[in-house]
Protein backbone atom coordinates (compact mmCIF):
# COMPACT_ATOMS: atom_id res chain seq x y z
CA MET A 1 -12.54 115.52 162.12
CA LYS A 2 -9.82 113.06 163.13
CA THR A 3 -7.65 112.17 160.15
CA ILE A 4 -4.32 110.57 159.25
CA GLN A 5 -2.15 111.11 156.16
CA PHE A 6 0.00 108.54 154.37
CA ARG A 7 1.28 107.48 150.96
CA THR A 8 0.27 104.31 149.19
CA ASP A 9 2.56 101.99 147.24
CA ASP A 10 1.86 104.01 144.05
CA LEU A 11 3.05 107.15 145.94
CA THR A 12 -0.40 108.77 146.04
CA GLN A 13 -0.92 110.77 149.24
CA TYR A 14 -4.18 110.19 151.12
CA THR A 15 -5.85 111.94 154.03
CA ILE A 16 -8.54 109.73 155.53
CA ASN A 17 -10.99 110.09 158.38
CA ILE A 18 -10.06 107.43 160.95
CA SER A 19 -13.75 106.65 161.55
CA GLN A 20 -13.89 105.29 157.96
CA ILE A 21 -11.28 102.56 158.66
CA THR A 22 -12.96 99.16 158.92
CA CYS A 23 -9.95 96.82 158.89
CA MET A 24 -6.15 96.92 158.86
CA PHE A 25 -3.56 94.20 158.55
CA PRO A 26 0.15 93.94 157.67
CA TYR A 27 1.20 93.26 154.10
CA GLU A 28 3.23 90.03 154.14
CA GLU A 29 5.36 90.37 150.99
CA SER A 30 6.96 93.74 151.82
CA PRO A 31 6.78 96.42 154.52
CA GLY A 32 3.37 98.05 154.51
CA THR A 33 -0.20 97.83 155.74
CA TRP A 34 -3.50 97.20 154.00
CA ILE A 35 -6.23 99.62 155.13
CA TYR A 36 -9.85 98.89 154.24
CA LEU A 37 -12.32 101.79 154.28
CA SER A 38 -16.08 101.66 154.85
CA CYS A 39 -16.68 102.76 151.23
CA GLY A 40 -15.07 99.51 150.02
CA THR A 41 -11.70 101.02 149.07
CA ARG A 42 -8.51 99.09 149.88
CA LEU A 43 -5.27 101.03 150.26
CA LYS A 44 -1.75 99.59 150.67
CA THR A 45 0.35 102.01 152.70
CA LEU A 46 4.13 102.19 152.81
CA LEU A 47 4.00 102.26 156.64
CA ILE A 48 4.03 99.29 158.99
CA LEU A 49 0.95 98.58 161.11
CA ASP A 50 2.56 99.80 164.36
CA ILE A 51 3.17 103.26 162.88
CA ILE A 52 -0.40 103.47 161.53
CA LEU A 53 -1.75 102.58 164.98
CA GLU A 54 0.47 105.23 166.56
CA MET A 55 -0.81 107.84 164.06
CA ILE A 56 -4.43 106.91 164.85
CA GLY A 57 -3.77 107.14 168.59
CA LYS A 58 -2.21 110.58 168.18
CA ALA A 59 -5.12 111.79 166.03
CA GLU A 60 -7.62 110.60 168.64
CA ASN A 61 -5.75 112.34 171.47
CA ASP A 62 -5.19 115.64 169.62
CA GLN A 63 -8.84 116.67 169.62
């Protein structure tokens, strides 16, 4: 299973399967990225979009 880990703006740590990501876009008001999951959940990460994309690329190449 290809996963990434990150913290949200409320400091909760998540591990998500990258195949569950349906949409991502930068958060305009402060550094961070919105990640939408196929189950309908929206998560605001503390990481910028470029770092999230790098993490996904690494997870895809590791297995």
